[in-house]
Amino acid sequence: MLTKKGKYGLKAAVHLARLPPGASTQVADIAEANNIPKKFLDVILGELRNAGFLSSKKGKLGGYRLARAPEEIVVGEMIRALDGPLAPFACASRNAYEQCEDCDVATCEVRMLMVQVRDAIGTVLDTYTLAQMRDLSREALSSFVDYI
C-alpha cells in the first residue's frame, strides 16, 4: 500500500512538474496548495533531493525544483525512494527479499500471488513518468476511480 509519504511526495512532485522548466518554489507554497503538513513535507522533499529527484537552493529566492525533466522521472522510482520495495511481503520482494519463517518459498501460494501483485503494481508505476502523471485529465482520473 502506498503510504502518505509516497502520496504526498507524488503530489509535491506533480506540483513542481507544473512549474515552468527550471523554476523553483518554497515548501510552504507546495504544502498549502496540496494540503500537506509542512513539517512532513520538509522531510519528504529532503528524501527526494537526496535520491536525486529534486534540487534545492536556500535563501529568499530559493526553494525546490525538479533535478531532471518530468519526462525523465519514472513514478515507480520515486515511490521506491520514499516507500521502499513495492512487494506486500519481504518474501515477494526483488530488492529486499527475506525468506519467511513459516513457509516454503517454492510452494507458498500466498507468496506466489504476492509476486504477481508486486509485478502488477510495478508495471503500472514504472510505465508512468512524472510528466504523464502531471498531464492526466480530471476525466481520466474519475473514470479510473470508477474502475476501482
Protein backbone atom coordinates (compact mmCIF):
# COMPACT_ATOMS: atom_id res chain seq x y z
CA MET A 1 0.00 0.00 0.00
CA LEU A 2 1.21 3.47 -0.83
CA THR A 3 1.97 5.42 2.32
CA LYS A 4 1.08 9.04 2.98
CA LYS A 5 4.75 9.83 2.48
CA GLY A 6 4.58 8.36 -1.02
CA LYS A 7 1.30 10.07 -1.82
CA TYR A 8 2.48 13.45 -0.57
CA GLY A 9 5.78 13.04 -2.38
CA LEU A 10 3.98 12.41 -5.66
CA LYS A 11 1.64 15.34 -5.11
CA ALA A 12 4.59 17.63 -4.42
CA ALA A 13 6.50 16.34 -7.46
CA VAL A 14 3.47 16.90 -9.71
CA HIS A 15 3.21 20.41 -8.27
CA LEU A 16 6.85 21.03 -9.22
CA ALA A 17 6.30 19.47 -12.66
CA ARG A 18 3.62 22.09 -13.34
CA LEU A 19 6.10 24.92 -12.86
CA PRO A 20 7.98 26.38 -15.84
CA PRO A 21 11.21 24.45 -16.56
CA GLY A 22 13.94 25.38 -14.06
CA ALA A 23 11.55 27.29 -11.78
CA SER A 24 11.53 26.61 -8.05
CA THR A 25 9.07 27.20 -5.24
CA GLN A 26 9.02 27.24 -1.46
CA VAL A 27 7.97 24.27 0.66
CA ALA A 28 5.22 26.35 2.27
CA ASP A 29 3.66 27.05 -1.14
CA ILE A 30 3.66 23.37 -2.09
CA ALA A 31 2.25 22.39 1.30
CA GLU A 32 -0.54 24.95 1.18
CA ALA A 33 -1.54 24.23 -2.42
CA ASN A 34 -1.72 20.46 -1.80
CA ASN A 35 -3.00 20.37 1.79
CA ILE A 36 0.16 18.65 3.08
CA PRO A 37 1.59 19.27 6.56
CA LYS A 38 4.69 21.46 6.02
CA LYS A 39 6.94 19.68 8.55
CA PHE A 40 6.19 16.31 6.97
CA LEU A 41 6.72 17.76 3.50
CA ASP A 42 10.12 19.14 4.56
CA VAL A 43 11.23 15.58 5.34
CA ILE A 44 9.77 14.14 2.14
CA LEU A 45 11.35 16.76 -0.11
CA GLY A 46 14.69 16.21 1.63
CA GLU A 47 14.48 12.49 0.83
CA LEU A 48 13.59 13.21 -2.79
CA ARG A 49 16.52 15.63 -3.02
CA ASN A 50 18.90 13.04 -1.53
CA ALA A 51 17.61 10.49 -4.06
CA GLY A 52 18.38 12.87 -6.94
CA PHE A 53 14.84 13.76 -8.00
CA LEU A 54 14.89 17.34 -6.69
CA SER A 55 17.40 20.08 -6.17
CA SER A 56 17.14 22.91 -3.68
CA LYS A 57 18.54 26.33 -3.07
CA LYS A 58 18.46 28.20 0.23
CA GLY A 59 17.51 31.81 0.64
CA LYS A 60 14.72 34.20 -0.20
CA LEU A 61 14.72 33.27 -3.89
CA GLY A 62 15.41 29.61 -3.20
CA GLY A 63 13.18 26.61 -2.91
CA TYR A 64 12.78 23.22 -4.55
CA ARG A 65 12.69 22.29 -8.23
CA LEU A 66 12.93 19.10 -10.24
CA ALA A 67 16.50 17.95 -10.81
CA ARG A 68 15.53 16.40 -14.16
CA ALA A 69 12.83 16.97 -16.72
CA PRO A 70 9.49 15.45 -15.68
CA GLU A 71 9.65 13.24 -18.80
CA GLU A 72 12.77 11.59 -17.34
CA ILE A 73 11.39 10.81 -13.89
CA VAL A 74 9.66 7.43 -13.53
CA VAL A 75 6.92 7.38 -10.89
CA GLY A 76 7.89 3.90 -9.67
CA GLU A 77 11.42 5.07 -8.90
CA MET A 78 10.09 7.91 -6.76
CA ILE A 79 7.76 5.59 -4.86
CA ARG A 80 10.58 3.14 -4.16
CA ALA A 81 12.80 6.00 -2.95
CA LEU A 82 10.12 7.11 -0.47
CA ASP A 83 8.32 3.89 0.49
CA GLY A 84 10.83 1.16 -0.28
CA PRO A 85 10.04 -2.06 -2.17
CA LEU A 86 6.64 -2.45 -3.80
CA ALA A 87 6.13 -6.04 -2.63
CA PRO A 88 3.49 -6.51 0.09
CA PHE A 89 5.76 -9.05 1.86
CA ALA A 90 9.54 -9.30 2.03
CA CYS A 91 9.43 -12.84 0.59
CA ALA A 92 7.89 -11.42 -2.61
CA SER A 93 10.43 -8.61 -2.98
CA ARG A 94 13.13 -8.49 -5.64
CA ASN A 95 15.40 -5.99 -3.88
CA ALA A 96 14.63 -6.60 -0.21
CA TYR A 97 13.95 -10.33 -0.24
CA GLU A 98 13.79 -12.13 3.09
CA GLN A 99 12.61 -15.71 3.43
CA CYS A 100 9.60 -16.24 5.68
CA GLU A 101 9.92 -18.47 8.72
CA ASP A 102 6.58 -20.11 8.13
CA CYS A 103 6.62 -21.23 4.50
CA ASP A 104 8.50 -22.92 1.71
CA VAL A 105 9.33 -20.32 -0.95
CA ALA A 106 8.84 -22.78 -3.81
CA THR A 107 5.34 -23.90 -2.80
CA CYS A 108 3.79 -21.00 -0.83
CA GLU A 109 0.62 -19.92 -2.61
CA VAL A 110 0.50 -16.62 -0.72
CA ARG A 111 3.99 -15.69 -1.88
CA MET A 112 3.17 -16.70 -5.47
CA LEU A 113 0.17 -14.37 -5.50
CA MET A 114 2.09 -11.51 -3.84
CA VAL A 115 4.80 -11.75 -6.51
CA GLN A 116 2.07 -11.18 -9.09
CA VAL A 117 0.73 -8.24 -7.07
CA ARG A 118 4.23 -6.77 -6.88
CA ASP A 119 4.69 -7.16 -10.63
CA ALA A 120 1.32 -5.58 -11.42
CA ILE A 121 1.97 -2.56 -9.22
CA GLY A 122 5.47 -2.19 -10.63
CA THR A 123 4.22 -2.41 -14.20
CA VAL A 124 1.82 0.49 -13.68
CA LEU A 125 4.16 2.70 -11.64
CA ASP A 126 7.12 2.05 -13.92
CA THR A 127 5.06 2.87 -17.03
CA TYR A 128 4.30 6.45 -15.98
CA THR A 129 6.66 9.38 -15.95
CA LEU A 130 6.04 12.41 -13.81
CA ALA A 131 5.10 14.33 -16.98
CA GLN A 132 2.44 11.75 -17.85
CA MET A 133 1.10 11.85 -14.32
CA ARG A 134 1.01 15.66 -14.42
CA ASP A 135 -0.93 15.55 -17.68
CA LEU A 136 -3.65 13.15 -16.56
CA SER A 137 -7.00 14.83 -17.03
CA ARG A 138 -9.71 15.01 -14.38
CA GLU A 139 -11.96 12.89 -16.58
CA ALA A 140 -9.33 10.17 -16.91
CA LEU A 141 -8.86 10.16 -13.16
CA SER A 142 -12.59 9.98 -12.46
CA SER A 143 -13.07 7.05 -14.88
CA PHE A 144 -10.12 5.29 -13.23
CA VAL A 145 -11.67 5.84 -9.78
CA ASP A 146 -14.94 4.37 -11.09
CA TYR A 147 -13.00 1.29 -12.19
CA ILE A 148 -11.69 0.75 -8.65
